[in-house]
């Protein structure tokens, strides 16, 4: 599926091949940041690689230019107050462009030689979405709450929470597509048991609510992604 390939290229380019230092530099230098232009070129290179068809260069060029315009507008309009909102608007606009390009210019295209089957590409895209993209989305959602004071003196391993979240979402996704809903319930119960000590010892209601919201959002996204995957197939 061509649309899945376009989305796959976007996920890899926007979330996996864009370091946090790049994002910070772009936010500081805005249009003067070389990383902005390198980022767009990486997207275009990924499209060439995944589509594996040089004749599609006009389509790839249009996507690259639109990606630059959307990112540039985001950088110029971004402030501390609207950063979260612009993040979601930015991703929505990128997705809308890919869908529009697909329907207008590529929906009736013939078979494209690929290294993967459509089924594999769809599965890979959904799994990749549940890793860094969802982690960044959740981080953006939780930007409105600062719990650094609540966790002071109780530091955890660097990025441990992110990796735990990624693993649990992938497990939930696998259980859902295999129709093992009881395993999803077991996983939720197991995490609740592990977290019980922290919640019991914590006298901060805010921290308890923060943990519960994060868990529910993470599991909810994984379950919905699994259901959507089954519907797509």
C-alpha atoms as a PDB file:
ATOM      1  CA  UNK A   1       0.000   0.000   0.000  1.00  0.00           C
ATOM      2  CA  UNK A   2       1.503   3.258  -1.156  1.00  0.00           C
ATOM      3  CA  UNK A   3      -0.148   5.343   1.568  1.00  0.00           C
ATOM      4  CA  UNK A   4       1.352   3.096   4.252  1.00  0.00           C
ATOM      5  CA  UNK A   5       4.792   3.600   2.688  1.00  0.00           C
ATOM      6  CA  UNK A   6       4.350   7.378   2.805  1.00  0.00           C
ATOM      7  CA  UNK A   7       3.315   7.235   6.465  1.00  0.00           C
ATOM      8  CA  UNK A   8       6.190   4.867   7.272  1.00  0.00           C
ATOM      9  CA  UNK A   9       8.704   7.293   5.750  1.00  0.00           C
ATOM     10  CA  UNK A  10       7.181  10.138   7.764  1.00  0.00           C
ATOM     11  CA  UNK A  11       7.359   8.237  11.059  1.00  0.00           C
ATOM     12  CA  UNK A  12      10.987   7.264  10.533  1.00  0.00           C
ATOM     13  CA  UNK A  13      12.040  10.754   9.412  1.00  0.00           C
ATOM     14  CA  UNK A  14      10.126  12.770  12.007  1.00  0.00           C
ATOM     15  CA  UNK A  15      10.598  10.593  15.091  1.00  0.00           C
ATOM     16  CA  UNK A  16      13.541   8.234  14.612  1.00  0.00           C
ATOM     17  CA  UNK A  17      16.019  10.233  12.509  1.00  0.00           C
ATOM     18  CA  UNK A  18      15.546  13.574  14.226  1.00  0.00           C
ATOM     19  CA  UNK A  19      17.592  13.993  17.394  1.00  0.00           C
ATOM     20  CA  UNK A  20      16.335  16.089  20.300  1.00  0.00           C
ATOM     21  CA  UNK A  21      19.316  18.410  19.811  1.00  0.00           C
ATOM     22  CA  UNK A  22      18.096  19.071  16.257  1.00  0.00           C
ATOM     23  CA  UNK A  23      14.659  20.049  17.525  1.00  0.00           C
ATOM     24  CA  UNK A  24      16.120  22.435  20.093  1.00  0.00           C
ATOM     25  CA  UNK A  25      18.423  24.015  17.500  1.00  0.00           C
ATOM     26  CA  UNK A  26      15.514  24.510  15.100  1.00  0.00           C
ATOM     27  CA  UNK A  27      13.428  26.117  17.844  1.00  0.00           C
ATOM     28  CA  UNK A  28      16.299  28.484  18.632  1.00  0.00           C
ATOM     29  CA  UNK A  29      17.557  29.391  15.150  1.00  0.00           C
ATOM     30  CA  UNK A  30      14.260  28.791  13.335  1.00  0.00           C
ATOM     31  CA  UNK A  31      14.744  29.238   9.562  1.00  0.00           C
ATOM     32  CA  UNK A  32      18.468  29.857  10.067  1.00  0.00           C
ATOM     33  CA  UNK A  33      18.952  26.332  11.396  1.00  0.00           C
ATOM     34  CA  UNK A  34      20.768  23.998   8.943  1.00  0.00           C
ATOM     35  CA  UNK A  35      19.066  21.064  10.700  1.00  0.00           C
ATOM     36  CA  UNK A  36      15.711  22.161   9.281  1.00  0.00           C
ATOM     37  CA  UNK A  37      16.926  21.688   5.719  1.00  0.00           C
ATOM     38  CA  UNK A  38      18.781  18.452   6.515  1.00  0.00           C
ATOM     39  CA  UNK A  39      15.580  17.151   8.129  1.00  0.00           C
ATOM     40  CA  UNK A  40      13.583  17.810   4.947  1.00  0.00           C
ATOM     41  CA  UNK A  41      16.263  16.185   2.772  1.00  0.00           C
ATOM     42  CA  UNK A  42      16.204  13.097   5.000  1.00  0.00           C
ATOM     43  CA  UNK A  43      12.451  12.839   4.491  1.00  0.00           C
ATOM     44  CA  UNK A  44      12.847  13.016   0.726  1.00  0.00           C
ATOM     45  CA  UNK A  45      15.666  10.435   0.751  1.00  0.00           C
ATOM     46  CA  UNK A  46      13.485   8.070   2.807  1.00  0.00           C
ATOM     47  CA  UNK A  47      10.648   8.461   0.320  1.00  0.00           C
ATOM     48  CA  UNK A  48      12.974   7.557  -2.567  1.00  0.00           C
ATOM     49  CA  UNK A  49      14.246   4.546  -0.639  1.00  0.00           C
ATOM     50  CA  UNK A  50      10.855   3.211   0.474  1.00  0.00           C
ATOM     51  CA  UNK A  51       8.966   3.901  -2.763  1.00  0.00           C
ATOM     52  CA  UNK A  52      11.951   2.639  -4.762  1.00  0.00           C
ATOM     53  CA  UNK A  53      10.814   4.423  -7.919  1.00  0.00           C
ATOM     54  CA  UNK A  54      12.792   7.353  -9.352  1.00  0.00           C
ATOM     55  CA  UNK A  55       9.855   8.279 -11.582  1.00  0.00           C
ATOM     56  CA  UNK A  56       8.002   9.419  -8.456  1.00  0.00           C
ATOM     57  CA  UNK A  57      10.373  12.368  -7.964  1.00  0.00           C
ATOM     58  CA  UNK A  58       7.667  15.042  -8.601  1.00  0.00           C
ATOM     59  CA  UNK A  59       5.502  13.533  -5.842  1.00  0.00           C
ATOM     60  CA  UNK A  60       8.491  13.317  -3.491  1.00  0.00           C
ATOM     61  CA  UNK A  61       9.453  16.912  -4.282  1.00  0.00           C
ATOM     62  CA  UNK A  62       5.934  18.132  -3.489  1.00  0.00           C
ATOM     63  CA  UNK A  63       5.929  16.258  -0.172  1.00  0.00           C
ATOM     64  CA  UNK A  64       9.392  17.656   0.666  1.00  0.00           C
ATOM     65  CA  UNK A  65       8.368  21.250  -0.084  1.00  0.00           C
ATOM     66  CA  UNK A  66       5.127  20.920   1.870  1.00  0.00           C
ATOM     67  CA  UNK A  67       7.023  19.394   4.794  1.00  0.00           C
ATOM     68  CA  UNK A  68       9.409  22.359   4.818  1.00  0.00           C
ATOM     69  CA  UNK A  69       6.555  24.899   4.698  1.00  0.00           C
ATOM     70  CA  UNK A  70       4.639  23.217   7.545  1.00  0.00           C
ATOM     71  CA  UNK A  71       7.748  22.919   9.732  1.00  0.00           C
ATOM     72  CA  UNK A  72       8.807  26.506   8.968  1.00  0.00           C
ATOM     73  CA  UNK A  73       5.377  27.890   9.901  1.00  0.00           C
ATOM     74  CA  UNK A  74       5.427  25.862  13.107  1.00  0.00           C
ATOM     75  CA  UNK A  75       8.830  27.282  14.082  1.00  0.00           C
ATOM     76  CA  UNK A  76       7.806  30.859  13.305  1.00  0.00           C
ATOM     77  CA  UNK A  77       4.507  30.662  15.197  1.00  0.00           C
ATOM     78  CA  UNK A  78       5.655  28.531  18.138  1.00  0.00           C
ATOM     79  CA  UNK A  79       5.680  29.894  21.682  1.00  0.00           C
ATOM     80  CA  UNK A  80       5.821  28.188  25.070  1.00  0.00           C
ATOM     81  CA  UNK A  81       2.059  28.457  25.399  1.00  0.00           C
ATOM     82  CA  UNK A  82       1.096  26.991  22.038  1.00  0.00           C
ATOM     83  CA  UNK A  83       3.937  24.448  21.662  1.00  0.00           C
ATOM     84  CA  UNK A  84       1.754  21.437  22.491  1.00  0.00           C
ATOM     85  CA  UNK A  85      -1.074  22.573  20.234  1.00  0.00           C
ATOM     86  CA  UNK A  86       1.245  23.284  17.294  1.00  0.00           C
ATOM     87  CA  UNK A  87       2.858  19.857  17.654  1.00  0.00           C
ATOM     88  CA  UNK A  88      -0.471  18.125  16.992  1.00  0.00           C
ATOM     89  CA  UNK A  89      -1.458  20.598  14.261  1.00  0.00           C
ATOM     90  CA  UNK A  90       1.935  20.001  12.601  1.00  0.00           C
ATOM     91  CA  UNK A  91       1.468  16.223  12.582  1.00  0.00           C
ATOM     92  CA  UNK A  92      -2.133  16.547  11.400  1.00  0.00           C
ATOM     93  CA  UNK A  93      -1.094  18.739   8.468  1.00  0.00           C
ATOM     94  CA  UNK A  94       1.714  16.361   7.460  1.00  0.00           C
ATOM     95  CA  UNK A  95      -0.733  13.448   7.543  1.00  0.00           C
ATOM     96  CA  UNK A  96      -3.300  15.400   5.524  1.00  0.00           C
ATOM     97  CA  UNK A  97      -0.707  16.160   2.834  1.00  0.00           C
ATOM     98  CA  UNK A  98       0.277  12.487   2.554  1.00  0.00           C
ATOM     99  CA  UNK A  99      -3.355  11.388   2.241  1.00  0.00           C
ATOM    100  CA  UNK A 100      -4.079  14.111  -0.323  1.00  0.00           C
ATOM    101  CA  UNK A 101      -1.000  13.199  -2.375  1.00  0.00           C
ATOM    102  CA  UNK A 102      -2.008   9.558  -2.304  1.00  0.00           C
ATOM    103  CA  UNK A 103      -5.586  10.123  -3.475  1.00  0.00           C
ATOM    104  CA  UNK A 104      -4.780  12.774  -6.050  1.00  0.00           C
ATOM    105  CA  UNK A 105      -1.561  11.529  -7.580  1.00  0.00           C
ATOM    106  CA  UNK A 106      -0.904   7.920  -6.626  1.00  0.00           C
ATOM    107  CA  UNK A 107      -4.134   6.105  -5.786  1.00  0.00           C
ATOM    108  CA  UNK A 108      -4.415   4.578  -9.264  1.00  0.00           C
ATOM    109  CA  UNK A 109      -0.742   3.717  -9.624  1.00  0.00           C
ATOM    110  CA  UNK A 110       0.299   0.250 -10.638  1.00  0.00           C
ATOM    111  CA  UNK A 111       2.351  -2.204  -8.651  1.00  0.00           C
ATOM    112  CA  UNK A 112       5.569  -0.858  -7.102  1.00  0.00           C
ATOM    113  CA  UNK A 113       8.435  -3.236  -6.539  1.00  0.00           C
ATOM    114  CA  UNK A 114       9.095  -3.514  -2.832  1.00  0.00           C
ATOM    115  CA  UNK A 115      11.221  -5.515  -0.485  1.00  0.00           C
ATOM    116  CA  UNK A 116       8.266  -6.083   1.820  1.00  0.00           C
ATOM    117  CA  UNK A 117       4.731  -7.323   1.448  1.00  0.00           C
ATOM    118  CA  UNK A 118       1.872  -4.939   2.189  1.00  0.00           C
ATOM    119  CA  UNK A 119       1.072  -6.889   5.333  1.00  0.00           C
ATOM    120  CA  UNK A 120       4.633  -6.514   6.623  1.00  0.00           C
ATOM    121  CA  UNK A 121       4.738  -2.794   5.870  1.00  0.00           C
ATOM    122  CA  UNK A 122       1.440  -2.209   7.667  1.00  0.00           C
ATOM    123  CA  UNK A 123       2.591  -4.175  10.707  1.00  0.00           C
ATOM    124  CA  UNK A 124       5.945  -2.380  10.789  1.00  0.00           C
ATOM    125  CA  UNK A 125       4.271   1.035  10.515  1.00  0.00           C
ATOM    126  CA  UNK A 126       1.880   0.330  13.384  1.00  0.00           C
ATOM    127  CA  UNK A 127       4.644  -1.033  15.633  1.00  0.00           C
ATOM    128  CA  UNK A 128       6.929   1.916  14.898  1.00  0.00           C
ATOM    129  CA  UNK A 129       4.073   4.284  15.719  1.00  0.00           C
ATOM    130  CA  UNK A 130       3.774   2.693  19.172  1.00  0.00           C
ATOM    131  CA  UNK A 131       7.440   3.357  19.985  1.00  0.00           C
ATOM    132  CA  UNK A 132       8.982   6.837  19.799  1.00  0.00           C
ATOM    133  CA  UNK A 133       6.031   8.623  18.126  1.00  0.00           C
ATOM    134  CA  UNK A 134       3.621   7.714  20.936  1.00  0.00           C
ATOM    135  CA  UNK A 135       6.314   8.453  23.552  1.00  0.00           C
ATOM    136  CA  UNK A 136       6.754  11.936  22.103  1.00  0.00           C
ATOM    137  CA  UNK A 137       2.995  12.431  21.852  1.00  0.00           C
ATOM    138  CA  UNK A 138       2.565  11.483  25.519  1.00  0.00           C
ATOM    139  CA  UNK A 139       5.489  13.690  26.529  1.00  0.00           C
ATOM    140  CA  UNK A 140       3.820  16.563  24.708  1.00  0.00           C
ATOM    141  CA  UNK A 141       0.504  15.878  26.457  1.00  0.00           C
ATOM    142  CA  UNK A 142       2.171  15.855  29.883  1.00  0.00           C
ATOM    143  CA  UNK A 143       4.112  19.072  29.311  1.00  0.00           C
ATOM    144  CA  UNK A 144       1.346  20.944  31.151  1.00  0.00           C
ATOM    145  CA  UNK A 145       2.274  19.174  34.411  1.00  0.00           C
ATOM    146  CA  UNK A 146       5.627  19.524  36.165  1.00  0.00           C
ATOM    147  CA  UNK A 147       6.229  16.693  38.646  1.00  0.00           C
ATOM    148  CA  UNK A 148       9.966  17.254  39.100  1.00  0.00           C
ATOM    149  CA  UNK A 149       9.395  18.406  42.687  1.00  0.00           C
ATOM    150  CA  UNK A 150       7.237  15.379  43.447  1.00  0.00           C
ATOM    151  CA  UNK A 151       9.911  12.937  42.292  1.00  0.00           C
ATOM    152  CA  UNK A 152      12.867  14.800  43.771  1.00  0.00           C
ATOM    153  CA  UNK A 153      15.248  12.399  45.497  1.00  0.00           C
ATOM    154  CA  UNK A 154      13.611   9.407  43.818  1.00  0.00           C
ATOM    155  CA  UNK A 155      15.304   9.447  40.426  1.00  0.00           C
ATOM    156  CA  UNK A 156      14.990   6.462  38.107  1.00  0.00           C
ATOM    157  CA  UNK A 157      17.198   5.103  35.329  1.00  0.00           C
ATOM    158  CA  UNK A 158      17.570   7.451  32.366  1.00  0.00           C
ATOM    159  CA  UNK A 159      14.717   6.972  29.874  1.00  0.00           C
ATOM    160  CA  UNK A 160      13.578   3.849  31.755  1.00  0.00           C
ATOM    161  CA  UNK A 161       9.973   5.013  31.805  1.00  0.00           C
ATOM    162  CA  UNK A 162       9.984   5.569  28.052  1.00  0.00           C
ATOM    163  CA  UNK A 163      11.340   2.089  27.295  1.00  0.00           C
ATOM    164  CA  UNK A 164       8.881   0.461  29.714  1.00  0.00           C
ATOM    165  CA  UNK A 165       6.036   2.299  28.010  1.00  0.00           C
ATOM    166  CA  UNK A 166       7.207   1.206  24.549  1.00  0.00           C
ATOM    167  CA  UNK A 167       7.465  -2.445  25.593  1.00  0.00           C
ATOM    168  CA  UNK A 168       4.066  -2.494  27.278  1.00  0.00           C
ATOM    169  CA  UNK A 169       2.377  -0.872  24.265  1.00  0.00           C
ATOM    170  CA  UNK A 170       3.924  -3.390  21.869  1.00  0.00           C
ATOM    171  CA  UNK A 171       2.837  -6.269  24.122  1.00  0.00           C
ATOM    172  CA  UNK A 172      -0.714  -4.926  24.336  1.00  0.00           C
ATOM    173  CA  UNK A 173      -0.758  -4.447  20.549  1.00  0.00           C
ATOM    174  CA  UNK A 174       0.352  -8.051  19.967  1.00  0.00           C
ATOM    175  CA  UNK A 175      -2.214  -9.399  22.448  1.00  0.00           C
ATOM    176  CA  UNK A 176      -5.022  -7.422  20.787  1.00  0.00           C
ATOM    177  CA  UNK A 177      -4.243  -8.538  17.219  1.00  0.00           C
ATOM    178  CA  UNK A 178      -3.994 -12.136  18.447  1.00  0.00           C
ATOM    179  CA  UNK A 179      -7.356 -11.773  20.249  1.00  0.00           C
ATOM    180  CA  UNK A 180      -5.838 -12.546  23.661  1.00  0.00           C
ATOM    181  CA  UNK A 181      -7.696  -9.878  25.612  1.00  0.00           C
ATOM    182  CA  UNK A 182      -7.194 -11.802  28.830  1.00  0.00           C
ATOM    183  CA  UNK A 183      -3.452 -11.212  28.458  1.00  0.00           C
ATOM    184  CA  UNK A 184      -4.097  -7.462  28.218  1.00  0.00           C
ATOM    185  CA  UNK A 185      -6.021  -7.648  31.491  1.00  0.00           C
ATOM    186  CA  UNK A 186      -3.195  -9.659  33.067  1.00  0.00           C
ATOM    187  CA  UNK A 187      -0.628  -7.063  31.931  1.00  0.00           C
ATOM    188  CA  UNK A 188      -2.668  -4.217  33.410  1.00  0.00           C
ATOM    189  CA  UNK A 189      -3.017  -6.148  36.667  1.00  0.00           C
ATOM    190  CA  UNK A 190       0.707  -6.947  36.779  1.00  0.00           C
ATOM    191  CA  UNK A 191       1.649  -3.294  36.263  1.00  0.00           C
ATOM    192  CA  UNK A 192      -0.831  -2.230  38.936  1.00  0.00           C
ATOM    193  CA  UNK A 193       0.801  -4.634  41.413  1.00  0.00           C
ATOM    194  CA  UNK A 194       4.279  -3.279  40.627  1.00  0.00           C
ATOM    195  CA  UNK A 195       3.045   0.293  40.959  1.00  0.00           C
ATOM    196  CA  UNK A 196       1.029  -0.354  44.115  1.00  0.00           C
ATOM    197  CA  UNK A 197       4.006   0.209  46.410  1.00  0.00           C
ATOM    198  CA  UNK A 198       4.850   3.547  44.827  1.00  0.00           C
ATOM    199  CA  UNK A 199       1.258   4.733  44.958  1.00  0.00           C
ATOM    200  CA  UNK A 200       0.780   3.515  48.541  1.00  0.00           C
ATOM    201  CA  UNK A 201       3.929   5.201  49.845  1.00  0.00           C
ATOM    202  CA  UNK A 202       3.302   8.387  47.919  1.00  0.00           C
ATOM    203  CA  UNK A 203       1.427  11.033  49.875  1.00  0.00           C
ATOM    204  CA  UNK A 204       1.111  13.176  46.787  1.00  0.00           C
ATOM    205  CA  UNK A 205      -2.250  12.806  45.095  1.00  0.00           C
ATOM    206  CA  UNK A 206      -0.878  14.629  42.051  1.00  0.00           C
ATOM    207  CA  UNK A 207       1.799  11.960  41.495  1.00  0.00           C
ATOM    208  CA  UNK A 208      -0.766   9.180  41.812  1.00  0.00           C
ATOM    209  CA  UNK A 209      -3.041  10.862  39.277  1.00  0.00           C
ATOM    210  CA  UNK A 210      -0.072  11.457  36.950  1.00  0.00           C
ATOM    211  CA  UNK A 211       0.865   7.755  36.996  1.00  0.00           C
ATOM    212  CA  UNK A 212      -2.721   6.601  36.472  1.00  0.00           C
ATOM    213  CA  UNK A 213      -3.343   8.987  33.579  1.00  0.00           C
ATOM    214  CA  UNK A 214      -0.092   7.957  31.897  1.00  0.00           C
ATOM    215  CA  UNK A 215      -0.884   4.256  32.240  1.00  0.00           C
ATOM    216  CA  UNK A 216      -4.422   4.607  30.914  1.00  0.00           C
ATOM    217  CA  UNK A 217      -3.351   6.724  27.929  1.00  0.00           C
ATOM    218  CA  UNK A 218      -0.518   4.340  27.054  1.00  0.00           C
ATOM    219  CA  UNK A 219      -2.720   1.243  27.229  1.00  0.00           C
ATOM    220  CA  UNK A 220      -5.586   3.022  25.498  1.00  0.00           C
ATOM    221  CA  UNK A 221      -3.460   4.051  22.521  1.00  0.00           C
ATOM    222  CA  UNK A 222      -2.036   0.527  22.205  1.00  0.00           C
ATOM    223  CA  UNK A 223      -5.502  -1.063  22.295  1.00  0.00           C
ATOM    224  CA  UNK A 224      -6.940   1.366  19.732  1.00  0.00           C
ATOM    225  CA  UNK A 225      -3.913   0.839  17.476  1.00  0.00           C
ATOM    226  CA  UNK A 226      -4.388  -2.918  17.638  1.00  0.00           C
ATOM    227  CA  UNK A 227      -8.087  -2.617  16.772  1.00  0.00           C
ATOM    228  CA  UNK A 228      -7.278  -0.235  13.891  1.00  0.00           C
ATOM    229  CA  UNK A 229      -4.637  -2.649  12.570  1.00  0.00           C
ATOM    230  CA  UNK A 230      -7.216  -5.468  12.458  1.00  0.00           C
ATOM    231  CA  UNK A 231      -9.684  -3.181  10.680  1.00  0.00           C
ATOM    232  CA  UNK A 232      -7.077  -2.160   8.068  1.00  0.00           C
ATOM    233  CA  UNK A 233      -6.303  -5.771   7.269  1.00  0.00           C
END
